[in-house]
Each structure stands twice: as C-alpha cells, then as structure tokens.
Amino acid sequence: MDELDIRHDDGVLRLTMNRPARLNAMTAALGDRLAEEVEHAAARDDVRVVLLSGAGNAFSSGAELTGADPHEDFDVTSLDRANRIVRAIVALPQPCVAAVQGVAAGVGCSTALACDLVVAAESASFLLAFSRIGLMPDGGATATVAASVGRARAMRLALLGEALSAGDAYAAGLVSHLVADADLDVTVAGLLARLAAGPSLALTATKRAVNAATLGGLHEALERERTGQTLLLRTQDAAEGMRAFVEKRPPRFVGT
C-alpha cells in the first residue's frame, strides 16, 4: 500500500496520507514524498488547488515512534524533513487546504496549520505534544500557531501540550472552518471547486501578501526550531520521553 495516495482531477491535487492503522504517523518516506509532491505542484499548470488529508480516522498523529529506543531514529534530517514540508506548503503559489478529522499532532499538526485553509471536523483535535516527550514544537508551529491565536494561547498549547478541540480551535482562530463530521467531505469539495474555478493570479497574490504580513518570520522560526530541537534530541529527557510514549507510561524527566 502506498503511504501517500495521490489523485488529480478538475484542477485539484489530492494528497492523502495513507497509513490509517498507524493514524497516518509520519515516516521518513511519507514525509519526503509529501514534500516532493507539494514542491512539484508549484510548477504544474494543471493544479489550481492542493488538498492535504489523512485516511481513516485521523489526519496524522505525528512522527512515527517505535522500538525500544525510538530517539535513535531521530536526528537533524527529521527536522529538515518537517521544515521542507512546511516551506513547500507556504511557498506553494496555489491555495492549499487541509481537511482534518481526528487527531492532528506533532508534525501532523504543524503540517495542517501551514495550510491556507484548515477545515476541521468536529472530531478533530490539535495537539503540540512535543513537550510531553522532552522536545519543542517544530515544523514552524512556533510561528504559525502564535500568528493565529496569539502568544498566550500559543504558550499554553506548546508548554502544556494540551489538546485543542475542533470547536476551541475554531473559536481561537486556529482553523478556518468547523463542520460536522458528516459534512466534512461536501464542505471540502465545495471549497476546492470554488478555489479551482477562482482567479488563480489573484489567489496567488493574496496568499503571498497574507503570508508576508503574518509569517514574515517563518524562516527564522524554522531555524530556531532546528537548532533547539537538535540540542534537545541529544538529551536524556528526550530519550525518556520517547520511550515512555512507546511504552504508554508517564515519563520521568530529570532535566538533563
């Protein structure tokens, strides 16, 4: 089974993370493929809008954590992969829409929030769970979340690792649309059709202007996250946090 389902019709490029049994957890292969497809879409005249979604009951639970020592599978390449995905989405000339049902956590949350429109089903939840495993947010989340909900709410989400329900995310301005689960597909289809039929040059200019006004510091944020996360990945707390996550137990952090 292909980890990324790719479909194209009527000007819409649909990219669906396709690991439903693992809540679409992000592997290296999936992340690389997702970034490549978004990057390539930028130069495609037959793509007028891009949709990101997840198969099954989740958008994405974040980075794949498995094995006895999951921290050994993470290094700077993991950060570069997350940053590449976010840069590709933000730089994409065409509008990019995220359809979110179930959990969007970690890099999955960062990916969704980099999109221009985020349609959240009532079952959706948004979670910057990095602090729970001894890490800090990455994938530009320190910039995109603060730009949407302000410093105080961003600190609460990032420091406490609290899940934000779809309703609360909409009320806080983190997502653009809130719909019943049963209405997600039809709502997204309507938005895609409207964007695909819209004035592409005007939409591109609008996206660039809004991103310049609100995410002008994204590059610097990505570099800060890369530096901070690289250091944190070498700590005992990160190793303990990832082991505890895999073993489904509370972590015992010691501050080293």
C-alpha atoms as a PDB file:
ATOM      1  CA  MET A   1       0.000   0.000   0.000  1.00  0.00           C
ATOM      2  CA  ASP A   2       1.340   3.424  -0.986  1.00  0.00           C
ATOM      3  CA  GLU A   3       1.846   5.615   2.084  1.00  0.00           C
ATOM      4  CA  LEU A   4       0.708   8.661   0.091  1.00  0.00           C
ATOM      5  CA  ASP A   5      -2.369   8.374  -2.077  1.00  0.00           C
ATOM      6  CA  ILE A   6      -2.163  10.845  -4.971  1.00  0.00           C
ATOM      7  CA  ARG A   7      -5.109  11.818  -7.146  1.00  0.00           C
ATOM      8  CA  HIS A   8      -5.679  14.639  -9.586  1.00  0.00           C
ATOM      9  CA  ASP A   9      -8.940  15.783 -11.108  1.00  0.00           C
ATOM     10  CA  ASP A  10     -10.565  19.053 -12.162  1.00  0.00           C
ATOM     11  CA  GLY A  11      -7.542  21.104 -11.148  1.00  0.00           C
ATOM     12  CA  VAL A  12      -7.350  19.588  -7.652  1.00  0.00           C
ATOM     13  CA  LEU A  13      -4.300  17.669  -6.460  1.00  0.00           C
ATOM     14  CA  ARG A  14      -5.374  15.427  -3.570  1.00  0.00           C
ATOM     15  CA  LEU A  15      -2.601  14.155  -1.296  1.00  0.00           C
ATOM     16  CA  THR A  16      -3.849  11.698   1.314  1.00  0.00           C
ATOM     17  CA  MET A  17      -1.569  10.289   3.996  1.00  0.00           C
ATOM     18  CA  ASN A  18      -2.440   6.625   3.814  1.00  0.00           C
ATOM     19  CA  ARG A  19      -1.401   4.795   6.972  1.00  0.00           C
ATOM     20  CA  PRO A  20      -4.765   4.551   8.740  1.00  0.00           C
ATOM     21  CA  ALA A  21      -3.711   1.669  11.002  1.00  0.00           C
ATOM     22  CA  ARG A  22      -0.993   3.936  12.439  1.00  0.00           C
ATOM     23  CA  LEU A  23      -3.163   7.086  12.473  1.00  0.00           C
ATOM     24  CA  ASN A  24      -1.114   8.280   9.495  1.00  0.00           C
ATOM     25  CA  ALA A  25       2.044   8.627  11.594  1.00  0.00           C
ATOM     26  CA  MET A  26       4.754  10.312   9.536  1.00  0.00           C
ATOM     27  CA  THR A  27       7.576   8.079   8.337  1.00  0.00           C
ATOM     28  CA  ALA A  28      10.654   9.369   6.526  1.00  0.00           C
ATOM     29  CA  ALA A  29       9.354   8.010   3.232  1.00  0.00           C
ATOM     30  CA  LEU A  30       5.911   9.565   3.696  1.00  0.00           C
ATOM     31  CA  GLY A  31       7.347  12.935   4.682  1.00  0.00           C
ATOM     32  CA  ASP A  32       9.753  13.024   1.740  1.00  0.00           C
ATOM     33  CA  ARG A  33       7.039  12.058  -0.726  1.00  0.00           C
ATOM     34  CA  LEU A  34       4.619  14.633   0.629  1.00  0.00           C
ATOM     35  CA  ALA A  35       7.204  17.406   0.347  1.00  0.00           C
ATOM     36  CA  GLU A  36       8.138  16.334  -3.181  1.00  0.00           C
ATOM     37  CA  GLU A  37       4.555  16.349  -4.422  1.00  0.00           C
ATOM     38  CA  VAL A  38       3.824  19.793  -2.974  1.00  0.00           C
ATOM     39  CA  GLU A  39       7.067  21.170  -4.415  1.00  0.00           C
ATOM     40  CA  HIS A  40       6.315  19.752  -7.850  1.00  0.00           C
ATOM     41  CA  ALA A  41       2.751  21.076  -7.750  1.00  0.00           C
ATOM     42  CA  ALA A  42       4.096  24.628  -7.680  1.00  0.00           C
ATOM     43  CA  ALA A  43       5.134  24.354 -11.333  1.00  0.00           C
ATOM     44  CA  ARG A  44       2.087  22.446 -12.587  1.00  0.00           C
ATOM     45  CA  ASP A  45      -0.356  24.422 -14.699  1.00  0.00           C
ATOM     46  CA  ASP A  46      -2.966  21.682 -14.249  1.00  0.00           C
ATOM     47  CA  VAL A  47      -3.021  22.119 -10.454  1.00  0.00           C
ATOM     48  CA  ARG A  48      -5.066  25.038  -9.178  1.00  0.00           C
ATOM     49  CA  VAL A  49      -5.509  23.906  -5.562  1.00  0.00           C
ATOM     50  CA  VAL A  50      -3.922  21.251  -3.305  1.00  0.00           C
ATOM     51  CA  LEU A  51      -5.729  19.214  -0.656  1.00  0.00           C
ATOM     52  CA  LEU A  52      -3.949  17.510   2.243  1.00  0.00           C
ATOM     53  CA  SER A  53      -5.844  14.897   4.244  1.00  0.00           C
ATOM     54  CA  GLY A  54      -5.448  11.648   6.149  1.00  0.00           C
ATOM     55  CA  ALA A  55      -7.034   8.264   5.515  1.00  0.00           C
ATOM     56  CA  GLY A  56      -9.246   6.684   8.163  1.00  0.00           C
ATOM     57  CA  ASN A  57      -9.962   8.356  11.474  1.00  0.00           C
ATOM     58  CA  ALA A  58      -7.021  10.761  11.788  1.00  0.00           C
ATOM     59  CA  PHE A  59      -5.165  13.458   9.921  1.00  0.00           C
ATOM     60  CA  SER A  60      -1.758  12.487  11.332  1.00  0.00           C
ATOM     61  CA  SER A  61      -0.596  11.504  14.813  1.00  0.00           C
ATOM     62  CA  GLY A  62       2.847  12.972  14.150  1.00  0.00           C
ATOM     63  CA  ALA A  63       6.248  11.365  13.761  1.00  0.00           C
ATOM     64  CA  GLU A  64       6.408   7.575  13.906  1.00  0.00           C
ATOM     65  CA  LEU A  65       7.782   6.410  17.275  1.00  0.00           C
ATOM     66  CA  THR A  66       8.548   2.705  17.552  1.00  0.00           C
ATOM     67  CA  GLY A  67      11.062   0.344  19.099  1.00  0.00           C
ATOM     68  CA  ALA A  68      12.877   0.195  22.423  1.00  0.00           C
ATOM     69  CA  ASP A  69      14.955   3.328  21.726  1.00  0.00           C
ATOM     70  CA  PRO A  70      12.893   5.477  19.368  1.00  0.00           C
ATOM     71  CA  HIS A  71      15.079   8.540  19.943  1.00  0.00           C
ATOM     72  CA  GLU A  72      17.867   6.833  17.992  1.00  0.00           C
ATOM     73  CA  ASP A  73      15.794   7.154  14.825  1.00  0.00           C
ATOM     74  CA  PHE A  74      15.650  10.947  15.061  1.00  0.00           C
ATOM     75  CA  ASP A  75      18.312  13.470  14.093  1.00  0.00           C
ATOM     76  CA  VAL A  76      18.603  16.699  12.148  1.00  0.00           C
ATOM     77  CA  THR A  77      17.298  15.013   8.997  1.00  0.00           C
ATOM     78  CA  SER A  78      13.943  14.549  10.733  1.00  0.00           C
ATOM     79  CA  LEU A  79      13.788  18.286  11.407  1.00  0.00           C
ATOM     80  CA  ASP A  80      14.844  19.141   7.877  1.00  0.00           C
ATOM     81  CA  ARG A  81      12.077  16.911   6.534  1.00  0.00           C
ATOM     82  CA  ALA A  82       9.409  18.651   8.626  1.00  0.00           C
ATOM     83  CA  ASN A  83      10.745  22.059   7.644  1.00  0.00           C
ATOM     84  CA  ARG A  84      10.787  21.069   3.987  1.00  0.00           C
ATOM     85  CA  ILE A  85       7.103  20.132   4.095  1.00  0.00           C
ATOM     86  CA  VAL A  86       6.110  23.407   5.732  1.00  0.00           C
ATOM     87  CA  ARG A  87       8.259  25.540   3.449  1.00  0.00           C
ATOM     88  CA  ALA A  88       6.751  23.803   0.418  1.00  0.00           C
ATOM     89  CA  ILE A  89       3.179  24.449   1.592  1.00  0.00           C
ATOM     90  CA  VAL A  90       3.784  28.110   2.412  1.00  0.00           C
ATOM     91  CA  ALA A  91       5.761  28.757  -0.798  1.00  0.00           C
ATOM     92  CA  LEU A  92       3.205  26.962  -2.972  1.00  0.00           C
ATOM     93  CA  PRO A  93       1.598  29.533  -5.311  1.00  0.00           C
ATOM     94  CA  GLN A  94      -1.710  27.681  -5.306  1.00  0.00           C
ATOM     95  CA  PRO A  95      -4.019  27.601  -2.279  1.00  0.00           C
ATOM     96  CA  CYS A  96      -3.506  24.599  -0.007  1.00  0.00           C
ATOM     97  CA  VAL A  97      -6.387  23.187   2.020  1.00  0.00           C
ATOM     98  CA  ALA A  98      -6.165  20.762   4.952  1.00  0.00           C
ATOM     99  CA  ALA A  99      -9.144  18.527   5.727  1.00  0.00           C
ATOM    100  CA  VAL A 100      -8.752  17.382   9.327  1.00  0.00           C
ATOM    101  CA  GLN A 101     -10.683  14.670  11.101  1.00  0.00           C
ATOM    102  CA  GLY A 102      -9.433  13.010  14.274  1.00  0.00           C
ATOM    103  CA  VAL A 103      -6.047  13.892  15.679  1.00  0.00           C
ATOM    104  CA  ALA A 104      -3.502  16.248  14.145  1.00  0.00           C
ATOM    105  CA  ALA A 105      -0.499  16.015  16.455  1.00  0.00           C
ATOM    106  CA  GLY A 106       3.178  16.906  16.357  1.00  0.00           C
ATOM    107  CA  VAL A 107       4.445  17.309  12.809  1.00  0.00           C
ATOM    108  CA  GLY A 108       0.936  16.393  11.639  1.00  0.00           C
ATOM    109  CA  CYS A 109      -0.390  19.453  13.450  1.00  0.00           C
ATOM    110  CA  SER A 110       2.425  21.622  12.065  1.00  0.00           C
ATOM    111  CA  THR A 111       1.635  20.427   8.547  1.00  0.00           C
ATOM    112  CA  ALA A 112      -2.087  21.138   8.835  1.00  0.00           C
ATOM    113  CA  LEU A 113      -1.565  24.611  10.289  1.00  0.00           C
ATOM    114  CA  ALA A 114       0.819  25.594   7.485  1.00  0.00           C
ATOM    115  CA  CYS A 115      -2.072  25.256   5.016  1.00  0.00           C
ATOM    116  CA  ASP A 116      -4.039  28.289   3.865  1.00  0.00           C
ATOM    117  CA  LEU A 117      -7.445  26.940   4.847  1.00  0.00           C
ATOM    118  CA  VAL A 118      -7.984  24.310   7.546  1.00  0.00           C
ATOM    119  CA  VAL A 119     -11.367  22.592   7.557  1.00  0.00           C
ATOM    120  CA  ALA A 120     -11.830  20.813  10.884  1.00  0.00           C
ATOM    121  CA  ALA A 121     -14.468  18.173  11.514  1.00  0.00           C
ATOM    122  CA  GLU A 122     -15.974  18.196  14.997  1.00  0.00           C
ATOM    123  CA  SER A 123     -13.965  15.053  15.791  1.00  0.00           C
ATOM    124  CA  ALA A 124     -10.684  16.848  15.097  1.00  0.00           C
ATOM    125  CA  SER A 125      -8.183  17.807  17.762  1.00  0.00           C
ATOM    126  CA  PHE A 126      -4.924  19.710  17.508  1.00  0.00           C
ATOM    127  CA  LEU A 127      -2.009  18.809  19.706  1.00  0.00           C
ATOM    128  CA  LEU A 128       1.515  20.160  20.003  1.00  0.00           C
ATOM    129  CA  ALA A 129       2.622  17.179  22.058  1.00  0.00           C
ATOM    130  CA  PHE A 130       6.355  17.866  21.832  1.00  0.00           C
ATOM    131  CA  SER A 131       6.775  18.888  25.485  1.00  0.00           C
ATOM    132  CA  ARG A 132       5.284  15.565  26.532  1.00  0.00           C
ATOM    133  CA  ILE A 133       8.328  13.796  25.099  1.00  0.00           C
ATOM    134  CA  GLY A 134      11.008  16.318  26.089  1.00  0.00           C
ATOM    135  CA  LEU A 135      11.072  18.262  22.826  1.00  0.00           C
ATOM    136  CA  MET A 136       9.907  21.627  21.465  1.00  0.00           C
ATOM    137  CA  PRO A 137       7.488  22.360  18.611  1.00  0.00           C
ATOM    138  CA  ASP A 138       8.949  22.236  15.125  1.00  0.00           C
ATOM    139  CA  GLY A 139       7.696  22.438  11.557  1.00  0.00           C
ATOM    140  CA  GLY A 140       7.181  26.169  12.016  1.00  0.00           C
ATOM    141  CA  ALA A 141       4.495  25.714  14.682  1.00  0.00           C
ATOM    142  CA  THR A 142       6.087  28.336  16.945  1.00  0.00           C
ATOM    143  CA  ALA A 143       5.308  30.851  14.177  1.00  0.00           C
ATOM    144  CA  THR A 144       2.049  29.591  12.659  1.00  0.00           C
ATOM    145  CA  VAL A 145       0.288  28.973  15.969  1.00  0.00           C
ATOM    146  CA  ALA A 146       1.333  32.283  17.509  1.00  0.00           C
ATOM    147  CA  ALA A 147       0.307  34.114  14.318  1.00  0.00           C
ATOM    148  CA  SER A 148      -3.167  32.581  14.547  1.00  0.00           C
ATOM    149  CA  VAL A 149      -4.006  32.528  18.255  1.00  0.00           C
ATOM    150  CA  GLY A 150      -1.557  34.914  19.920  1.00  0.00           C
ATOM    151  CA  ARG A 151       1.283  34.442  22.376  1.00  0.00           C
ATOM    152  CA  ALA A 152      -0.691  33.433  25.465  1.00  0.00           C
ATOM    153  CA  ARG A 153      -2.656  30.643  23.774  1.00  0.00           C
ATOM    154  CA  ALA A 154       0.422  29.502  21.844  1.00  0.00           C
ATOM    155  CA  MET A 155       2.367  29.209  25.091  1.00  0.00           C
ATOM    156  CA  ARG A 156      -0.426  27.205  26.673  1.00  0.00           C
ATOM    157  CA  LEU A 157      -0.553  24.763  23.763  1.00  0.00           C
ATOM    158  CA  ALA A 158       3.213  24.419  23.467  1.00  0.00           C
ATOM    159  CA  LEU A 159       4.271  24.354  27.122  1.00  0.00           C
ATOM    160  CA  LEU A 160       1.438  22.221  28.496  1.00  0.00           C
ATOM    161  CA  GLY A 161       0.883  20.005  25.451  1.00  0.00           C
ATOM    162  CA  GLU A 162      -2.874  20.387  25.794  1.00  0.00           C
ATOM    163  CA  ALA A 163      -5.113  19.096  23.028  1.00  0.00           C
ATOM    164  CA  LEU A 164      -7.348  21.725  21.466  1.00  0.00           C
ATOM    165  CA  SER A 165     -10.741  20.510  20.301  1.00  0.00           C
ATOM    166  CA  ALA A 166     -12.002  21.454  16.862  1.00  0.00           C
ATOM    167  CA  GLY A 167     -14.559  23.809  18.398  1.00  0.00           C
ATOM    168  CA  ASP A 168     -11.965  25.547  20.549  1.00  0.00           C
ATOM    169  CA  ALA A 169      -9.520  25.694  17.641  1.00  0.00           C
ATOM    170  CA  TYR A 170     -12.149  27.433  15.513  1.00  0.00           C
ATOM    171  CA  ALA A 171     -13.100  29.835  18.293  1.00  0.00           C
ATOM    172  CA  ALA A 172      -9.429  30.702  18.808  1.00  0.00           C
ATOM    173  CA  GLY A 173      -8.862  31.348  15.106  1.00  0.00           C
ATOM    174  CA  LEU A 174      -6.527  28.401  14.590  1.00  0.00           C
ATOM    175  CA  VAL A 175      -8.660  26.862  11.811  1.00  0.00           C
ATOM    176  CA  SER A 176     -10.797  28.489   9.138  1.00  0.00           C
ATOM    177  CA  HIS A 177     -13.827  26.165   9.095  1.00  0.00           C
ATOM    178  CA  LEU A 178     -15.655  23.938  11.589  1.00  0.00           C
ATOM    179  CA  VAL A 179     -18.123  21.340  10.304  1.00  0.00           C
ATOM    180  CA  ALA A 180     -19.895  18.203  11.441  1.00  0.00           C
ATOM    181  CA  ASP A 181     -18.014  15.037  10.569  1.00  0.00           C
ATOM    182  CA  ALA A 182     -20.777  14.027   8.180  1.00  0.00           C
ATOM    183  CA  ASP A 183     -20.381  17.352   6.324  1.00  0.00           C
ATOM    184  CA  LEU A 184     -16.585  17.340   6.002  1.00  0.00           C
ATOM    185  CA  ASP A 185     -16.364  15.865   2.504  1.00  0.00           C
ATOM    186  CA  VAL A 186     -19.089  18.016   0.972  1.00  0.00           C
ATOM    187  CA  THR A 187     -17.745  21.195   2.583  1.00  0.00           C
ATOM    188  CA  VAL A 188     -14.221  20.489   1.379  1.00  0.00           C
ATOM    189  CA  ALA A 189     -15.484  19.616  -2.107  1.00  0.00           C
ATOM    190  CA  GLY A 190     -17.264  22.948  -2.307  1.00  0.00           C
ATOM    191  CA  LEU A 191     -14.191  24.894  -1.232  1.00  0.00           C
ATOM    192  CA  LEU A 192     -11.968  23.040  -3.688  1.00  0.00           C
ATOM    193  CA  ALA A 193     -14.351  23.665  -6.561  1.00  0.00           C
ATOM    194  CA  ARG A 194     -14.560  27.347  -5.679  1.00  0.00           C
ATOM    195  CA  LEU A 195     -10.787  27.749  -5.450  1.00  0.00           C
ATOM    196  CA  ALA A 196     -10.123  25.737  -8.601  1.00  0.00           C
ATOM    197  CA  ALA A 197     -12.528  27.950 -10.549  1.00  0.00           C
ATOM    198  CA  GLY A 198     -11.228  31.149  -8.993  1.00  0.00           C
ATOM    199  CA  PRO A 199      -8.810  33.766 -10.372  1.00  0.00           C
ATOM    200  CA  SER A 200      -5.520  31.936  -9.899  1.00  0.00           C
ATOM    201  CA  LEU A 201      -3.282  35.000 -10.242  1.00  0.00           C
ATOM    202  CA  ALA A 202      -5.307  36.917  -7.674  1.00  0.00           C
ATOM    203  CA  LEU A 203      -5.363  33.955  -5.271  1.00  0.00           C
ATOM    204  CA  THR A 204      -1.594  33.566  -5.529  1.00  0.00           C
ATOM    205  CA  ALA A 205      -1.005  37.275  -4.921  1.00  0.00           C
ATOM    206  CA  THR A 206      -3.386  37.220  -1.954  1.00  0.00           C
ATOM    207  CA  LYS A 207      -1.733  34.184  -0.384  1.00  0.00           C
ATOM    208  CA  ARG A 208       1.718  35.725  -0.713  1.00  0.00           C
ATOM    209  CA  ALA A 209       0.609  39.026   0.774  1.00  0.00           C
ATOM    210  CA  VAL A 210      -1.144  37.489   3.776  1.00  0.00           C
ATOM    211  CA  ASN A 211       1.773  35.142   4.453  1.00  0.00           C
ATOM    212  CA  ALA A 212       4.232  38.027   4.196  1.00  0.00           C
ATOM    213  CA  ALA A 213       2.195  40.012   6.719  1.00  0.00           C
ATOM    214  CA  THR A 214       1.682  37.174   9.206  1.00  0.00           C
ATOM    215  CA  LEU A 215       4.536  34.714   8.638  1.00  0.00           C
ATOM    216  CA  GLY A 216       7.375  37.033   7.719  1.00  0.00           C
ATOM    217  CA  GLY A 217       9.497  35.438  10.442  1.00  0.00           C
ATOM    218  CA  LEU A 218       8.813  31.838   9.414  1.00  0.00           C
ATOM    219  CA  HIS A 219      12.304  31.180   8.058  1.00  0.00           C
ATOM    220  CA  GLU A 220      13.905  32.407  11.272  1.00  0.00           C
ATOM    221  CA  ALA A 221      11.416  30.370  13.328  1.00  0.00           C
ATOM    222  CA  LEU A 222      12.276  27.214  11.402  1.00  0.00           C
ATOM    223  CA  GLU A 223      15.975  27.796  12.006  1.00  0.00           C
ATOM    224  CA  ARG A 224      15.420  28.427  15.730  1.00  0.00           C
ATOM    225  CA  GLU A 225      13.359  25.261  15.981  1.00  0.00           C
ATOM    226  CA  ARG A 226      16.009  23.305  14.094  1.00  0.00           C
ATOM    227  CA  THR A 227      18.770  24.488  16.449  1.00  0.00           C
ATOM    228  CA  GLY A 228      16.756  23.964  19.610  1.00  0.00           C
ATOM    229  CA  GLN A 229      15.359  20.605  18.597  1.00  0.00           C
ATOM    230  CA  THR A 230      18.783  19.317  17.527  1.00  0.00           C
ATOM    231  CA  LEU A 231      20.090  20.016  21.033  1.00  0.00           C
ATOM    232  CA  LEU A 232      17.028  18.556  22.734  1.00  0.00           C
ATOM    233  CA  LEU A 233      17.235  15.329  20.742  1.00  0.00           C
ATOM    234  CA  ARG A 234      20.551  14.639  22.470  1.00  0.00           C
ATOM    235  CA  THR A 235      19.124  14.906  25.991  1.00  0.00           C
ATOM    236  CA  GLN A 236      18.181  12.163  28.413  1.00  0.00           C
ATOM    237  CA  ASP A 237      14.758  13.754  28.776  1.00  0.00           C
ATOM    238  CA  ALA A 238      14.006  13.314  25.068  1.00  0.00           C
ATOM    239  CA  ALA A 239      15.141   9.696  25.159  1.00  0.00           C
ATOM    240  CA  GLU A 240      13.000   9.074  28.242  1.00  0.00           C
ATOM    241  CA  GLY A 241      10.016  10.907  26.789  1.00  0.00           C
ATOM    242  CA  MET A 242      10.027   8.854  23.587  1.00  0.00           C
ATOM    243  CA  ARG A 243      10.497   5.573  25.457  1.00  0.00           C
ATOM    244  CA  ALA A 244       7.630   6.452  27.789  1.00  0.00           C
ATOM    245  CA  PHE A 245       5.403   7.267  24.812  1.00  0.00           C
ATOM    246  CA  VAL A 246       6.103   3.905  23.175  1.00  0.00           C
ATOM    247  CA  GLU A 247       5.672   2.068  26.482  1.00  0.00           C
ATOM    248  CA  LYS A 248       2.463   4.007  27.240  1.00  0.00           C
ATOM    249  CA  ARG A 249       3.580   5.236  30.681  1.00  0.00           C
ATOM    250  CA  PRO A 250       4.217   8.653  32.252  1.00  0.00           C
ATOM    251  CA  PRO A 251       7.745   9.952  31.566  1.00  0.00           C
ATOM    252  CA  ARG A 252      10.228  10.642  34.357  1.00  0.00           C
ATOM    253  CA  PHE A 253      12.071  13.796  33.336  1.00  0.00           C
ATOM    254  CA  VAL A 254      15.253  14.778  35.168  1.00  0.00           C
ATOM    255  CA  GLY A 255      16.282  17.930  33.344  1.00  0.00           C
ATOM    256  CA  THR A 256      19.327  16.572  31.541  1.00  0.00           C
END
